[in-house]
C-alpha atoms as a PDB file:
ATOM      1  CA  MET A   1      90.075  87.104 115.355  1.00  0.00           C
ATOM      2  CA  PHE A   2      87.444  89.100 113.319  1.00  0.00           C
ATOM      3  CA  GLY A   3      87.765  90.415 109.887  1.00  0.00           C
ATOM      4  CA  PHE A   4      86.930  91.368 106.629  1.00  0.00           C
ATOM      5  CA  LEU A   5      87.887  90.721 102.818  1.00  0.00           C
ATOM      6  CA  LEU A   6      88.718  94.044 100.959  1.00  0.00           C
ATOM      7  CA  THR A   7      88.855  92.308  97.493  1.00  0.00           C
ATOM      8  CA  SER A   8      91.878  93.120  95.270  1.00  0.00           C
ATOM      9  CA  GLN A   9      92.192  96.775  96.478  1.00  0.00           C
ATOM     10  CA  GLN A  10      95.367  97.371  98.320  1.00  0.00           C
ATOM     11  CA  VAL A  11      94.704  98.955 101.755  1.00  0.00           C
ATOM     12  CA  SER A  12      98.115  99.547 103.405  1.00  0.00           C
ATOM     13  CA  ALA A  13      99.956 102.775 102.846  1.00  0.00           C
ATOM     14  CA  GLU A  14      96.548 104.241 101.588  1.00  0.00           C
ATOM     15  CA  VAL A  15      93.536 105.982 103.475  1.00  0.00           C
ATOM     16  CA  ARG A  16      90.259 104.103 102.705  1.00  0.00           C
ATOM     17  CA  LEU A  17      86.644 104.139 104.263  1.00  0.00           C
ATOM     18  CA  MET A  18      85.685 100.748 104.911  1.00  0.00           C
ATOM     19  CA  MET A  19      81.832 100.240 104.682  1.00  0.00           C
ATOM     20  CA  ILE A  20      80.773  97.166 106.872  1.00  0.00           C
ATOM     21  CA  GLU A  21      77.302  95.832 105.625  1.00  0.00           C
ATOM     22  CA  GLN A  22      75.197  92.878 105.260  1.00  0.00           C
ATOM     23  CA  ASP A  23      72.343  91.675 103.179  1.00  0.00           C
ATOM     24  CA  GLY A  24      69.131  92.954 104.167  1.00  0.00           C
ATOM     25  CA  CYS A  25      70.336  96.122 106.224  1.00  0.00           C
ATOM     26  CA  PRO A  26      67.795  98.799 105.361  1.00  0.00           C
ATOM     27  CA  TRP A  27      70.135 101.472 106.738  1.00  0.00           C
ATOM     28  CA  CYS A  28      72.760 100.272 104.449  1.00  0.00           C
ATOM     29  CA  GLU A  29      70.647 100.712 101.427  1.00  0.00           C
ATOM     30  CA  ARG A  30      69.614 103.945 102.517  1.00  0.00           C
ATOM     31  CA  TRP A  31      73.167 105.073 102.810  1.00  0.00           C
ATOM     32  CA  LYS A  32      73.595 103.742  99.139  1.00  0.00           C
ATOM     33  CA  ALA A  33      70.699 105.761  97.878  1.00  0.00           C
ATOM     34  CA  GLU A  34      71.412 109.126  99.894  1.00  0.00           C
ATOM     35  CA  ILE A  35      74.932 109.021  99.919  1.00  0.00           C
ATOM     36  CA  GLY A  36      76.660 106.404  97.855  1.00  0.00           C
ATOM     37  CA  PRO A  37      76.232 108.074  94.363  1.00  0.00           C
ATOM     38  CA  ILE A  38      77.929 111.391  95.561  1.00  0.00           C
ATOM     39  CA  TYR A  39      80.484 109.880  98.004  1.00  0.00           C
ATOM     40  CA  PRO A  40      83.267 109.333  95.244  1.00  0.00           C
ATOM     41  CA  LYS A  41      82.527 112.919  94.113  1.00  0.00           C
ATOM     42  CA  THR A  42      83.117 114.663  97.172  1.00  0.00           C
ATOM     43  CA  PRO A  43      86.565 115.762  99.208  1.00  0.00           C
ATOM     44  CA  GLU A  44      86.002 113.134 101.586  1.00  0.00           C
ATOM     45  CA  GLY A  45      85.560 110.554  98.832  1.00  0.00           C
ATOM     46  CA  ARG A  46      88.726 111.447  97.239  1.00  0.00           C
ATOM     47  CA  ILE A  47      90.778 111.506 100.389  1.00  0.00           C
ATOM     48  CA  ALA A  48      89.183 108.014 101.559  1.00  0.00           C
ATOM     49  CA  PRO A  49      87.643 105.938  98.645  1.00  0.00           C
ATOM     50  CA  LEU A  50      85.140 103.282  99.727  1.00  0.00           C
ATOM     51  CA  VAL A  51      85.627  99.726 100.099  1.00  0.00           C
ATOM     52  CA  LYS A  52      82.484  97.739 100.926  1.00  0.00           C
ATOM     53  CA  VAL A  53      82.687  94.638 103.072  1.00  0.00           C
ATOM     54  CA  MET A  54      80.559  92.121 104.173  1.00  0.00           C
ATOM     55  CA  ILE A  55      80.280  91.814 107.970  1.00  0.00           C
ATOM     56  CA  HIS A  56      81.318  88.237 108.235  1.00  0.00           C
ATOM     57  CA  ASP A  57      84.010  88.139 105.681  1.00  0.00           C
ATOM     58  CA  PRO A  58      87.563  87.575 106.757  1.00  0.00           C
ATOM     59  CA  LEU A  59      89.843  90.341 107.679  1.00  0.00           C
ATOM     60  CA  GLU A  60      92.524  91.153 104.850  1.00  0.00           C
ATOM     61  CA  LYS A  61      95.984  90.817 105.959  1.00  0.00           C
ATOM     62  CA  GLY A  62      97.317  94.040 107.562  1.00  0.00           C
ATOM     63  CA  ILE A  63      94.194  95.407 108.633  1.00  0.00           C
ATOM     64  CA  THR A  64      93.879  96.201 112.437  1.00  0.00           C
ATOM     65  CA  LEU A  65      90.700  97.198 113.943  1.00  0.00           C
ATOM     66  CA  ASN A  66      90.182  98.439 117.321  1.00  0.00           C
ATOM     67  CA  SER A  67      87.284  96.099 117.784  1.00  0.00           C
ATOM     68  CA  PRO A  68      85.080  94.162 115.647  1.00  0.00           C
ATOM     69  CA  PRO A  69      82.006  95.739 114.171  1.00  0.00           C
ATOM     70  CA  VAL A  70      78.570  94.667 115.399  1.00  0.00           C
ATOM     71  CA  TYR A  71      76.218  96.991 113.554  1.00  0.00           C
ATOM     72  CA  THR A  72      75.732  97.534 109.871  1.00  0.00           C
ATOM     73  CA  PRO A  73      76.321  99.718 108.400  1.00  0.00           C
ATOM     74  CA  THR A  74      79.742 100.616 109.928  1.00  0.00           C
ATOM     75  CA  PHE A  75      82.046 102.849 108.370  1.00  0.00           C
ATOM     76  CA  ILE A  76      85.653 102.526 109.529  1.00  0.00           C
ATOM     77  CA  LEU A  77      88.488 104.918 108.451  1.00  0.00           C
ATOM     78  CA  LEU A  78      91.615 103.242 107.602  1.00  0.00           C
ATOM     79  CA  ASN A  79      95.213 104.813 107.480  1.00  0.00           C
ATOM     80  CA  ASP A  80      97.838 102.264 106.539  1.00  0.00           C
ATOM     81  CA  GLY A  81      95.483  99.429 107.527  1.00  0.00           C
ATOM     82  CA  GLN A  82      94.953 100.735 111.120  1.00  0.00           C
ATOM     83  CA  GLU A  83      91.594 102.049 112.313  1.00  0.00           C
ATOM     84  CA  VAL A  84      91.504 105.917 112.565  1.00  0.00           C
ATOM     85  CA  GLY A  85      87.922 106.257 113.490  1.00  0.00           C
ATOM     86  CA  ARG A  86      84.342 104.725 112.949  1.00  0.00           C
ATOM     87  CA  ILE A  87      80.817 105.682 112.620  1.00  0.00           C
ATOM     88  CA  GLU A  88      78.311 103.049 113.740  1.00  0.00           C
ATOM     89  CA  GLY A  89      75.061 102.991 111.749  1.00  0.00           C
ATOM     90  CA  TYR A  90      73.511 105.636 109.496  1.00  0.00           C
ATOM     91  CA  GLN A  91      70.879 108.185 110.806  1.00  0.00           C
ATOM     92  CA  SER A  92      71.100 110.851 108.231  1.00  0.00           C
ATOM     93  CA  ASP A  93      73.351 112.589 105.715  1.00  0.00           C
ATOM     94  CA  GLU A  94      74.210 115.416 108.296  1.00  0.00           C
ATOM     95  CA  PHE A  95      75.153 112.889 110.840  1.00  0.00           C
ATOM     96  CA  PHE A  96      77.390 110.895 108.361  1.00  0.00           C
ATOM     97  CA  TRP A  97      78.925 114.042 107.066  1.00  0.00           C
ATOM     98  CA  TRP A  98      79.694 115.551 110.317  1.00  0.00           C
ATOM     99  CA  PHE A  99      81.484 112.185 111.717  1.00  0.00           C
ATOM    100  CA  MET A 100      83.371 112.056 108.427  1.00  0.00           C
ATOM    101  CA  GLU A 101      84.782 115.420 108.823  1.00  0.00           C
ATOM    102  CA  THR A 102      85.882 114.614 112.395  1.00  0.00           C
ATOM    103  CA  MET A 103      87.500 111.424 111.416  1.00  0.00           C
ATOM    104  CA  ILE A 104      89.374 113.178 108.528  1.00  0.00           C
ATOM    105  CA  LYS A 105      90.719 115.622 110.975  1.00  0.00           C
ATOM    106  CA  LYS A 106      92.557 112.787 112.911  1.00  0.00           C
ATOM    107  CA  LEU A 107      94.727 111.843 109.699  1.00  0.00           C
ATOM    108  CA  PRO A 108      98.102 113.377 109.570  1.00  0.00           C
ATOM    109  CA  ASP A 109      97.753 116.869 107.937  1.00  0.00           C
ATOM    110  CA  ASP A 110      99.005 115.856 104.400  1.00  0.00           C
ATOM    111  CA  LEU A 111      96.590 112.972 104.132  1.00  0.00           C
ATOM    112  CA  GLN A 112      93.662 115.711 104.818  1.00  0.00           C
ATOM    113  CA  LYS A 113      94.030 117.407 101.696  1.00  0.00           C
ATOM    114  CA  ASP A 114      91.819 116.622  98.895  1.00  0.00           C
ATOM    115  CA  PRO A 115      93.863 115.114  96.319  1.00  0.00           C
ATOM    116  CA  GLY A 116      91.434 116.008  93.322  1.00  0.00           C
ATOM    117  CA  ALA A 117      91.589 119.686  94.181  1.00  0.00           C
END
């Protein structure tokens, strides 16, 4: 029913962090300024590479969410295209990293390891 286009990156059989955003979202811009530049360099970023998606774009085939996102930004951790967990909104870097750690712990043990370590 609701969905998001994830560009040409393949999502199934992979762990990804889907960032749901929209134009004019000040909290999206704050996340991009505070976390965006460092995210790919972190263990979390290597475990779950970021895919940015506009909130009203159609869902790529094979993606299953527990519910449609309402707020931007919303960060949805996907494993094999299935939602593992989500963060709604962005308050601070500490809030974001704590929730990312919590969501990654829900992944199977072998997927929690930093592939760049």
